[in-house]
Amino acid sequence: MSTLPIRVYGDPVLNQVATEVDNIDGRVVALAASMIETMYEAPGVGLAANQIGVQKRLFVYDKGDGPVVIVNPVIVESQGEWTYEEGCLSVPGMSWEITRANAVHLTGFDLDGNEIDIQTDEFEGRIFQHEMDHLDGVLLIERLDAVQRREAKKLLRAQRVQLTANDPDGLQRLLGE
């Protein structure tokens, strides 16, 4: 296992919809193990496959009970509202109050091909919604209102300019190129 570079705002892979995993094989298991290691090192509580440049519907998370892998996840139902401060490994160093559904019902598969059926709320539900957004090509800043989004993009562009000025090859390394 090894950690993988996390793609950040500006990388076009983050705006693409991930495709379903056709076969849960050794490659998917190895990918999930590297994703878990990457998530912990970042540190984060969740990581979608496209955040490391793999366009497959797979995410890992750990709400504090140990790592979980969900393949081909689907949110089949959601209800209520809950506003909570949320950050993202692909938008490093920033967070915002985001309103999402409070309760969700998620289905998918584990690495053995067994069906997963989870009904949860608050923090775990938020993780599911956040990672599903990634798999659908939606970044956290798209959840902001127009004024917040303009300000966030301005700050992110300034970060990229600063990174490039301080380390011309740093941006390519950060984007995993």
N, C-alpha and C. Protein backbone atom coordinates (compact mmCIF):
# COMPACT_ATOMS: atom_id res chain seq x y z
N MET A 1 0.84 -1.18 0.00
CA MET A 1 0.00 0.00 0.00
C MET A 1 0.88 1.24 0.00
N SER A 2 0.32 2.29 -0.57
CA SER A 2 1.02 3.56 -0.53
C SER A 2 0.00 4.68 -0.62
N THR A 3 0.41 5.85 -0.12
CA THR A 3 -0.50 6.98 -0.23
C THR A 3 -0.46 7.52 -1.65
N LEU A 4 -1.54 8.14 -2.02
CA LEU A 4 -1.70 8.65 -3.37
C LEU A 4 -1.90 10.16 -3.32
N PRO A 5 -1.51 10.90 -4.37
CA PRO A 5 -1.75 12.34 -4.37
C PRO A 5 -3.25 12.64 -4.48
N ILE A 6 -3.72 13.56 -3.66
CA ILE A 6 -5.12 13.96 -3.69
C ILE A 6 -5.27 15.12 -4.67
N ARG A 7 -6.19 14.98 -5.59
CA ARG A 7 -6.46 16.02 -6.57
C ARG A 7 -7.15 17.19 -5.88
N VAL A 8 -6.82 18.40 -6.29
CA VAL A 8 -7.38 19.59 -5.66
C VAL A 8 -8.13 20.45 -6.67
N TYR A 9 -8.86 21.42 -6.13
CA TYR A 9 -9.65 22.35 -6.92
C TYR A 9 -8.85 22.81 -8.14
N GLY A 10 -9.51 22.77 -9.29
CA GLY A 10 -8.87 23.14 -10.54
C GLY A 10 -8.55 21.93 -11.40
N ASP A 11 -8.46 20.75 -10.79
CA ASP A 11 -8.20 19.53 -11.55
C ASP A 11 -9.52 19.08 -12.17
N PRO A 12 -9.58 18.97 -13.50
CA PRO A 12 -10.84 18.63 -14.18
C PRO A 12 -11.43 17.28 -13.79
N VAL A 13 -10.62 16.35 -13.29
CA VAL A 13 -11.14 15.04 -12.91
C VAL A 13 -12.19 15.17 -11.79
N LEU A 14 -12.10 16.22 -11.00
CA LEU A 14 -13.04 16.41 -9.89
C LEU A 14 -14.43 16.82 -10.36
N ASN A 15 -14.55 17.23 -11.62
CA ASN A 15 -15.84 17.65 -12.15
C ASN A 15 -16.47 16.60 -13.06
N GLN A 16 -15.90 15.42 -13.08
CA GLN A 16 -16.42 14.35 -13.93
C GLN A 16 -17.20 13.34 -13.09
N VAL A 17 -18.25 12.79 -13.66
CA VAL A 17 -19.06 11.78 -12.99
C VAL A 17 -18.32 10.44 -13.08
N ALA A 18 -18.16 9.79 -11.94
CA ALA A 18 -17.47 8.49 -11.89
C ALA A 18 -18.38 7.38 -12.42
N THR A 19 -17.76 6.35 -13.00
CA THR A 19 -18.51 5.22 -13.54
C THR A 19 -18.54 4.08 -12.53
N GLU A 20 -19.53 3.22 -12.67
CA GLU A 20 -19.68 2.10 -11.73
C GLU A 20 -18.50 1.14 -11.82
N VAL A 21 -18.23 0.51 -10.69
CA VAL A 21 -17.24 -0.56 -10.63
C VAL A 21 -17.92 -1.81 -11.17
N ASP A 22 -17.36 -2.41 -12.22
CA ASP A 22 -17.96 -3.59 -12.85
C ASP A 22 -17.64 -4.88 -12.11
N ASN A 23 -16.43 -4.93 -11.53
CA ASN A 23 -15.98 -6.17 -10.91
C ASN A 23 -15.14 -5.83 -9.68
N ILE A 24 -15.55 -6.34 -8.54
CA ILE A 24 -14.77 -6.13 -7.32
C ILE A 24 -13.70 -7.22 -7.27
N ASP A 25 -12.50 -6.83 -7.69
CA ASP A 25 -11.39 -7.78 -7.77
C ASP A 25 -10.22 -7.29 -6.93
N GLY A 26 -9.08 -7.93 -7.07
CA GLY A 26 -7.90 -7.58 -6.30
C GLY A 26 -7.44 -6.15 -6.52
N ARG A 27 -7.62 -5.63 -7.74
CA ARG A 27 -7.23 -4.25 -8.02
C ARG A 27 -8.09 -3.27 -7.22
N VAL A 28 -9.38 -3.55 -7.12
CA VAL A 28 -10.28 -2.67 -6.36
C VAL A 28 -9.94 -2.75 -4.87
N VAL A 29 -9.64 -3.94 -4.38
CA VAL A 29 -9.26 -4.11 -2.97
C VAL A 29 -7.97 -3.34 -2.68
N ALA A 30 -6.98 -3.45 -3.58
CA ALA A 30 -5.71 -2.73 -3.39
C ALA A 30 -5.93 -1.22 -3.47
N LEU A 31 -6.77 -0.78 -4.39
CA LEU A 31 -7.10 0.64 -4.51
C LEU A 31 -7.73 1.14 -3.21
N ALA A 32 -8.69 0.39 -2.67
CA ALA A 32 -9.35 0.79 -1.43
C ALA A 32 -8.35 0.88 -0.28
N ALA A 33 -7.42 -0.06 -0.20
CA ALA A 33 -6.41 -0.03 0.87
C ALA A 33 -5.54 1.23 0.75
N SER A 34 -5.13 1.58 -0.47
CA SER A 34 -4.33 2.79 -0.67
C SER A 34 -5.15 4.04 -0.37
N MET A 35 -6.43 4.01 -0.71
CA MET A 35 -7.31 5.15 -0.42
C MET A 35 -7.46 5.36 1.09
N ILE A 36 -7.58 4.27 1.83
CA ILE A 36 -7.71 4.38 3.29
C ILE A 36 -6.43 4.99 3.87
N GLU A 37 -5.29 4.49 3.43
CA GLU A 37 -4.01 5.03 3.91
C GLU A 37 -3.88 6.52 3.55
N THR A 38 -4.28 6.88 2.35
CA THR A 38 -4.23 8.28 1.90
C THR A 38 -5.16 9.14 2.74
N MET A 39 -6.37 8.66 3.00
CA MET A 39 -7.35 9.39 3.81
C MET A 39 -6.80 9.67 5.21
N TYR A 40 -6.22 8.66 5.83
CA TYR A 40 -5.67 8.84 7.18
C TYR A 40 -4.49 9.80 7.18
N GLU A 41 -3.62 9.70 6.18
CA GLU A 41 -2.44 10.57 6.15
C GLU A 41 -2.82 12.02 5.89
N ALA A 42 -3.93 12.26 5.20
CA ALA A 42 -4.28 13.62 4.76
C ALA A 42 -4.41 14.66 5.89
N PRO A 43 -5.00 14.52 7.00
CA PRO A 43 -5.97 13.52 7.45
C PRO A 43 -7.39 13.95 7.08
N GLY A 44 -8.23 12.95 6.85
CA GLY A 44 -9.63 13.19 6.53
C GLY A 44 -10.50 12.09 7.07
N VAL A 45 -11.82 12.24 6.90
CA VAL A 45 -12.77 11.22 7.36
C VAL A 45 -13.41 10.49 6.18
N GLY A 46 -13.12 10.94 4.95
CA GLY A 46 -13.67 10.29 3.77
C GLY A 46 -12.84 10.63 2.56
N LEU A 47 -12.88 9.76 1.56
CA LEU A 47 -12.14 9.99 0.32
C LEU A 47 -12.83 9.21 -0.80
N ALA A 48 -13.18 9.93 -1.87
CA ALA A 48 -13.78 9.31 -3.05
C ALA A 48 -12.68 8.97 -4.05
N ALA A 49 -12.89 7.93 -4.84
CA ALA A 49 -11.87 7.47 -5.79
C ALA A 49 -11.44 8.56 -6.77
N ASN A 50 -12.38 9.40 -7.22
CA ASN A 50 -11.95 10.41 -8.19
C ASN A 50 -11.09 11.50 -7.56
N GLN A 51 -11.06 11.59 -6.23
CA GLN A 51 -10.15 12.54 -5.58
C GLN A 51 -8.70 12.11 -5.74
N ILE A 52 -8.47 10.86 -6.10
CA ILE A 52 -7.11 10.41 -6.38
C ILE A 52 -6.95 10.06 -7.86
N GLY A 53 -7.91 10.55 -8.67
CA GLY A 53 -7.81 10.42 -10.12
C GLY A 53 -8.37 9.15 -10.70
N VAL A 54 -9.10 8.35 -9.92
CA VAL A 54 -9.69 7.11 -10.42
C VAL A 54 -11.20 7.34 -10.58
N GLN A 55 -11.68 7.26 -11.81
CA GLN A 55 -13.08 7.59 -12.10
C GLN A 55 -13.99 6.38 -11.90
N LYS A 56 -14.02 5.87 -10.68
CA LYS A 56 -14.88 4.74 -10.32
C LYS A 56 -15.72 5.11 -9.11
N ARG A 57 -16.93 4.54 -9.02
CA ARG A 57 -17.86 4.85 -7.93
C ARG A 57 -17.49 4.01 -6.70
N LEU A 58 -16.61 4.59 -5.90
CA LEU A 58 -16.07 3.93 -4.72
C LEU A 58 -15.63 5.01 -3.76
N PHE A 59 -15.96 4.86 -2.48
CA PHE A 59 -15.39 5.77 -1.48
C PHE A 59 -15.08 5.01 -0.21
N VAL A 60 -14.19 5.61 0.57
CA VAL A 60 -13.81 5.07 1.87
C VAL A 60 -14.11 6.14 2.91
N TYR A 61 -14.36 5.69 4.14
CA TYR A 61 -14.58 6.65 5.21
C TYR A 61 -14.32 6.00 6.55
N ASP A 62 -14.16 6.85 7.56
CA ASP A 62 -14.01 6.39 8.93
C ASP A 62 -14.60 7.46 9.84
N LYS A 63 -15.75 7.17 10.42
CA LYS A 63 -16.40 8.12 11.33
C LYS A 63 -15.90 7.95 12.76
N GLY A 64 -14.90 7.09 12.94
CA GLY A 64 -14.33 6.86 14.26
C GLY A 64 -14.41 5.41 14.71
N ASP A 65 -15.05 4.56 13.88
CA ASP A 65 -15.23 3.15 14.23
C ASP A 65 -14.37 2.22 13.37
N GLY A 66 -13.44 2.78 12.61
CA GLY A 66 -12.63 1.98 11.70
C GLY A 66 -13.05 2.23 10.27
N PRO A 67 -12.16 1.91 9.33
CA PRO A 67 -12.42 2.23 7.92
C PRO A 67 -13.52 1.36 7.30
N VAL A 68 -14.28 1.99 6.41
CA VAL A 68 -15.35 1.31 5.67
C VAL A 68 -15.18 1.67 4.20
N VAL A 69 -15.40 0.69 3.34
CA VAL A 69 -15.34 0.88 1.89
C VAL A 69 -16.74 0.63 1.33
N ILE A 70 -17.21 1.54 0.48
CA ILE A 70 -18.50 1.35 -0.17
C ILE A 70 -18.31 1.48 -1.67
N VAL A 71 -18.69 0.43 -2.38
CA VAL A 71 -18.58 0.34 -3.83
C VAL A 71 -19.97 0.57 -4.43
N ASN A 72 -20.01 1.35 -5.50
CA ASN A 72 -21.24 1.67 -6.21
C ASN A 72 -22.35 2.16 -5.27
N PRO A 73 -22.06 3.17 -4.46
CA PRO A 73 -23.05 3.67 -3.50
C PRO A 73 -24.18 4.43 -4.20
N VAL A 74 -25.36 4.35 -3.57
CA VAL A 74 -26.54 5.08 -4.04
C VAL A 74 -27.28 5.59 -2.81
N ILE A 75 -27.60 6.86 -2.79
CA ILE A 75 -28.48 7.38 -1.74
C ILE A 75 -29.89 7.22 -2.26
N VAL A 76 -30.68 6.36 -1.60
CA VAL A 76 -32.02 6.05 -2.08
C VAL A 76 -33.08 6.93 -1.43
N GLU A 77 -32.72 7.56 -0.31
CA GLU A 77 -33.69 8.42 0.37
C GLU A 77 -32.93 9.38 1.27
N SER A 78 -33.47 10.58 1.41
CA SER A 78 -32.92 11.54 2.36
C SER A 78 -34.06 12.39 2.89
N GLN A 79 -33.83 12.94 4.09
CA GLN A 79 -34.87 13.79 4.68
C GLN A 79 -34.28 14.74 5.69
N GLY A 80 -35.02 15.82 5.95
CA GLY A 80 -34.63 16.81 6.94
C GLY A 80 -33.50 17.70 6.45
N GLU A 81 -33.05 18.57 7.32
CA GLU A 81 -31.93 19.47 7.04
C GLU A 81 -31.04 19.56 8.25
N TRP A 82 -29.74 19.69 7.98
CA TRP A 82 -28.77 19.87 9.05
C TRP A 82 -27.63 20.72 8.50
N THR A 83 -27.34 21.82 9.16
CA THR A 83 -26.26 22.71 8.75
C THR A 83 -25.08 22.46 9.67
N TYR A 84 -23.91 22.31 9.06
CA TYR A 84 -22.71 21.95 9.80
C TYR A 84 -21.50 22.44 9.01
N GLU A 85 -20.43 22.79 9.71
CA GLU A 85 -19.22 23.23 9.02
C GLU A 85 -18.56 22.04 8.34
N GLU A 86 -18.22 22.24 7.08
CA GLU A 86 -17.71 21.14 6.27
C GLU A 86 -16.49 21.60 5.48
N GLY A 87 -15.47 20.76 5.45
CA GLY A 87 -14.28 21.00 4.66
C GLY A 87 -14.11 19.88 3.66
N CYS A 88 -13.03 19.95 2.88
CA CYS A 88 -12.80 18.95 1.83
C CYS A 88 -11.31 18.84 1.56
N LEU A 89 -10.82 17.61 1.41
CA LEU A 89 -9.42 17.39 1.11
C LEU A 89 -9.03 17.97 -0.25
N SER A 90 -10.00 18.13 -1.15
CA SER A 90 -9.71 18.69 -2.47
C SER A 90 -9.84 20.21 -2.50
N VAL A 91 -10.23 20.79 -1.38
CA VAL A 91 -10.26 22.25 -1.22
C VAL A 91 -9.56 22.52 0.11
N PRO A 92 -8.25 22.28 0.17
CA PRO A 92 -7.52 22.28 1.44
C PRO A 92 -7.55 23.63 2.16
N GLY A 93 -7.69 23.53 3.48
CA GLY A 93 -7.60 24.71 4.33
C GLY A 93 -8.84 25.57 4.38
N MET A 94 -9.93 25.14 3.76
CA MET A 94 -11.15 25.94 3.76
C MET A 94 -12.32 25.11 4.25
N SER A 95 -13.29 25.79 4.88
CA SER A 95 -14.51 25.13 5.30
C SER A 95 -15.64 26.15 5.35
N TRP A 96 -16.84 25.65 5.24
CA TRP A 96 -18.03 26.51 5.24
C TRP A 96 -19.19 25.78 5.93
N GLU A 97 -20.15 26.57 6.39
CA GLU A 97 -21.41 26.02 6.89
C GLU A 97 -22.19 25.56 5.66
N ILE A 98 -22.51 24.27 5.61
CA ILE A 98 -23.22 23.68 4.48
C ILE A 98 -24.48 23.01 5.01
N THR A 99 -25.60 23.26 4.35
CA THR A 99 -26.86 22.59 4.71
C THR A 99 -27.05 21.39 3.79
N ARG A 100 -27.26 20.25 4.42
CA ARG A 100 -27.52 19.00 3.70
C ARG A 100 -28.68 18.30 4.39
N ALA A 101 -29.11 17.19 3.80
CA ALA A 101 -30.14 16.38 4.44
C ALA A 101 -29.59 15.88 5.78
N ASN A 102 -30.46 15.76 6.77
CA ASN A 102 -30.03 15.27 8.08
C ASN A 102 -29.93 13.75 8.10
N ALA A 103 -30.85 13.07 7.43
CA ALA A 103 -30.88 11.61 7.45
C ALA A 103 -30.82 11.08 6.02
N VAL A 104 -30.06 10.00 5.83
CA VAL A 104 -29.96 9.38 4.51
C VAL A 104 -30.04 7.86 4.62
N HIS A 105 -30.46 7.28 3.52
CA HIS A 105 -30.49 5.82 3.38
C HIS A 105 -29.60 5.51 2.18
N LEU A 106 -28.50 4.80 2.42
CA LEU A 106 -27.50 4.52 1.39
C LEU A 106 -27.42 3.01 1.17
N THR A 107 -27.30 2.62 -0.09
CA THR A 107 -27.03 1.22 -0.43
C THR A 107 -25.76 1.16 -1.27
N GLY A 108 -25.17 0.00 -1.33
CA GLY A 108 -23.95 -0.22 -2.10
C GLY A 108 -23.44 -1.61 -1.82
N PHE A 109 -22.14 -1.80 -2.01
CA PHE A 109 -21.53 -3.11 -1.81
C PHE A 109 -20.23 -2.98 -1.04
N ASP A 110 -19.87 -4.01 -0.28
CA ASP A 110 -18.56 -4.04 0.38
C ASP A 110 -17.56 -4.72 -0.55
N LEU A 111 -16.34 -4.88 -0.10
CA LEU A 111 -15.29 -5.46 -0.96
C LEU A 111 -15.46 -6.95 -1.21
N ASP A 112 -16.38 -7.59 -0.48
CA ASP A 112 -16.67 -9.00 -0.74
C ASP A 112 -17.87 -9.16 -1.67
N GLY A 113 -18.43 -8.04 -2.12
CA GLY A 113 -19.58 -8.09 -3.01
C GLY A 113 -20.91 -8.19 -2.28
N ASN A 114 -20.87 -8.10 -0.94
CA ASN A 114 -22.11 -8.16 -0.16
C ASN A 114 -22.81 -6.81 -0.19
N GLU A 115 -24.14 -6.85 -0.26
CA GLU A 115 -24.89 -5.61 -0.28
C GLU A 115 -24.81 -4.91 1.07
N ILE A 116 -24.66 -3.59 1.02
CA ILE A 116 -24.65 -2.75 2.21
C ILE A 116 -25.94 -1.93 2.18
N ASP A 117 -26.58 -1.80 3.32
CA ASP A 117 -27.81 -1.01 3.44
C ASP A 117 -27.73 -0.26 4.75
N ILE A 118 -27.48 1.05 4.69
CA ILE A 118 -27.25 1.85 5.90
C ILE A 118 -28.23 3.00 5.95
N GLN A 119 -28.93 3.12 7.07
CA GLN A 119 -29.74 4.30 7.34
C GLN A 119 -29.08 5.03 8.49
N THR A 120 -28.74 6.30 8.27
CA THR A 120 -27.98 7.04 9.27
C THR A 120 -28.34 8.51 9.20
N ASP A 121 -27.82 9.26 10.15
CA ASP A 121 -28.09 10.70 10.14
C ASP A 121 -26.85 11.47 10.57
N GLU A 122 -26.99 12.76 10.61
CA GLU A 122 -25.98 13.72 11.02
C GLU A 122 -24.62 13.43 10.41
N PHE A 123 -23.59 13.18 11.21
CA PHE A 123 -22.21 13.16 10.71
C PHE A 123 -21.98 12.08 9.65
N GLU A 124 -22.38 10.84 9.91
CA GLU A 124 -22.17 9.78 8.92
C GLU A 124 -22.98 10.07 7.65
N GLY A 125 -24.18 10.56 7.81
CA GLY A 125 -24.99 10.92 6.65
C GLY A 125 -24.35 12.02 5.83
N ARG A 126 -23.74 12.98 6.51
CA ARG A 126 -23.03 14.08 5.84
C ARG A 126 -21.84 13.53 5.06
N ILE A 127 -21.09 12.61 5.65
CA ILE A 127 -19.96 12.00 4.94
C ILE A 127 -20.47 11.35 3.65
N PHE A 128 -21.55 10.59 3.75
CA PHE A 128 -22.09 9.91 2.56
C PHE A 128 -22.44 10.92 1.47
N GLN A 129 -23.14 11.99 1.84
CA GLN A 129 -23.56 12.99 0.87
C GLN A 129 -22.35 13.70 0.24
N HIS A 130 -21.36 14.00 1.06
CA HIS A 130 -20.15 14.68 0.57
C HIS A 130 -19.42 13.79 -0.44
N GLU A 131 -19.22 12.52 -0.10
CA GLU A 131 -18.49 11.61 -0.99
C GLU A 131 -19.30 11.31 -2.25
N MET A 132 -20.62 11.22 -2.12
CA MET A 132 -21.47 11.03 -3.30
C MET A 132 -21.37 12.23 -4.23
N ASP A 133 -21.31 13.44 -3.66
CA ASP A 133 -21.10 14.63 -4.49
C ASP A 133 -19.84 14.46 -5.33
N HIS A 134 -18.74 14.03 -4.70
CA HIS A 134 -17.50 13.82 -5.45
C HIS A 134 -17.72 12.85 -6.61
N LEU A 135 -18.37 11.73 -6.34
CA LEU A 135 -18.58 10.72 -7.37
C LEU A 135 -19.48 11.25 -8.49
N ASP A 136 -20.29 12.26 -8.18
CA ASP A 136 -21.16 12.88 -9.19
C ASP A 136 -20.52 14.11 -9.82
N GLY A 137 -19.24 14.38 -9.51
CA GLY A 137 -18.52 15.49 -10.10
C GLY A 137 -18.87 16.86 -9.50
N VAL A 138 -19.34 16.86 -8.26
CA VAL A 138 -19.73 18.10 -7.59
C VAL A 138 -18.74 18.38 -6.46
N LEU A 139 -18.11 19.56 -6.51
CA LEU A 139 -17.19 19.96 -5.45
C LEU A 139 -17.92 20.77 -4.38
N LEU A 140 -17.40 20.77 -3.19
CA LEU A 140 -17.99 21.46 -2.05
C LEU A 140 -18.34 22.92 -2.36
N ILE A 141 -17.49 23.60 -3.10
CA ILE A 141 -17.76 25.03 -3.35
C ILE A 141 -19.03 25.24 -4.17
N GLU A 142 -19.48 24.21 -4.87
CA GLU A 142 -20.72 24.32 -5.62
C GLU A 142 -21.95 24.31 -4.70
N ARG A 143 -21.76 23.98 -3.45
CA ARG A 143 -22.83 23.99 -2.46
C ARG A 143 -22.98 25.36 -1.80
N LEU A 144 -22.09 26.29 -2.14
CA LEU A 144 -22.11 27.62 -1.53
C LEU A 144 -23.06 28.54 -2.30
N ASP A 145 -23.50 29.61 -1.63
CA ASP A 145 -24.29 30.60 -2.36
C ASP A 145 -23.36 31.36 -3.30
N ALA A 146 -23.93 32.17 -4.19
CA ALA A 146 -23.14 32.83 -5.24
C ALA A 146 -22.03 33.71 -4.69
N VAL A 147 -22.31 34.47 -3.63
CA VAL A 147 -21.29 35.35 -3.05
C VAL A 147 -20.16 34.54 -2.43
N GLN A 148 -20.50 33.52 -1.65
CA GLN A 148 -19.47 32.67 -1.03
C GLN A 148 -18.64 31.96 -2.10
N ARG A 149 -19.31 31.49 -3.15
CA ARG A 149 -18.60 30.76 -4.20
C ARG A 149 -17.60 31.66 -4.92
N ARG A 150 -18.00 32.90 -5.24
CA ARG A 150 -17.07 33.85 -5.87
C ARG A 150 -15.85 34.10 -4.99
N GLU A 151 -16.09 34.32 -3.68
CA GLU A 151 -14.99 34.57 -2.75
C GLU A 151 -14.08 33.34 -2.63
N ALA A 152 -14.69 32.15 -2.55
CA ALA A 152 -13.90 30.91 -2.45
C ALA A 152 -13.03 30.72 -3.69
N LYS A 153 -13.60 30.94 -4.86
CA LYS A 153 -12.83 30.77 -6.10
C LYS A 153 -11.69 31.78 -6.17
N LYS A 154 -11.94 33.00 -5.72
CA LYS A 154 -10.90 34.02 -5.69
C LYS A 154 -9.75 33.58 -4.78
N LEU A 155 -10.08 33.08 -3.59
CA LEU A 155 -9.05 32.60 -2.66
C LEU A 155 -8.30 31.40 -3.23
N LEU A 156 -9.01 30.48 -3.85
CA LEU A 156 -8.38 29.29 -4.42
C LEU A 156 -7.45 29.66 -5.58
N ARG A 157 -7.85 30.60 -6.42
CA ARG A 157 -6.98 31.06 -7.50
C ARG A 157 -5.72 31.70 -6.92
N ALA A 158 -5.88 32.49 -5.86
CA ALA A 158 -4.73 33.14 -5.22
C ALA A 158 -3.78 32.08 -4.65
N GLN A 159 -4.33 31.01 -4.05
CA GLN A 159 -3.49 29.92 -3.52
C GLN A 159 -2.69 29.29 -4.65
N ARG A 160 -3.33 29.04 -5.79
CA ARG A 160 -2.64 28.41 -6.92
C ARG A 160 -1.52 29.30 -7.44
N VAL A 161 -1.79 30.60 -7.55
CA VAL A 161 -0.77 31.55 -8.02
C VAL A 161 0.41 31.55 -7.05
N GLN A 162 0.11 31.58 -5.75
CA GLN A 162 1.16 31.60 -4.73
C GLN A 162 1.98 30.31 -4.77
N LEU A 163 1.30 29.19 -4.91
CA LEU A 163 1.99 27.90 -4.98
C LEU A 163 2.91 27.86 -6.19
N THR A 164 2.41 28.30 -7.33
CA THR A 164 3.20 28.30 -8.55
C THR A 164 4.40 29.24 -8.43
N ALA A 165 4.20 30.41 -7.81
CA ALA A 165 5.29 31.37 -7.66
C ALA A 165 6.39 30.84 -6.74
N ASN A 166 5.97 30.17 -5.66
CA ASN A 166 6.93 29.65 -4.68
C ASN A 166 7.60 28.36 -5.12
N ASP A 167 6.92 27.58 -5.92
CA ASP A 167 7.43 26.27 -6.32
C ASP A 167 6.82 25.94 -7.69
N PRO A 168 7.48 26.31 -8.78
CA PRO A 168 6.90 26.14 -10.12
C PRO A 168 6.44 24.72 -10.42
N ASP A 169 7.08 23.71 -9.86
CA ASP A 169 6.67 22.33 -10.10
C ASP A 169 5.66 21.85 -9.06
N GLY A 170 5.42 22.63 -8.03
CA GLY A 170 4.53 22.23 -6.94
C GLY A 170 3.11 22.02 -7.37
N LEU A 171 2.61 22.85 -8.28
CA LEU A 171 1.24 22.71 -8.73
C LEU A 171 1.05 21.37 -9.45
N GLN A 172 2.00 21.00 -10.31
CA GLN A 172 1.88 19.73 -10.99
C GLN A 172 1.92 18.56 -10.01
N ARG A 173 2.78 18.65 -9.00
CA ARG A 173 2.83 17.58 -7.99
C ARG A 173 1.51 17.53 -7.23
N LEU A 174 0.96 18.69 -6.87
CA LEU A 174 -0.28 18.76 -6.13
C LEU A 174 -1.42 18.17 -6.93
N LEU A 175 -1.43 18.41 -8.24
CA LEU A 175 -2.47 17.88 -9.11
C LEU A 175 -2.20 16.43 -9.51
N GLY A 176 -1.09 15.89 -9.07
CA GLY A 176 -0.78 14.49 -9.37
C GLY A 176 -0.33 14.27 -10.80
N GLU A 177 0.22 15.29 -11.40
CA GLU A 177 0.67 15.17 -12.80
C GLU A 177 2.14 14.86 -12.87
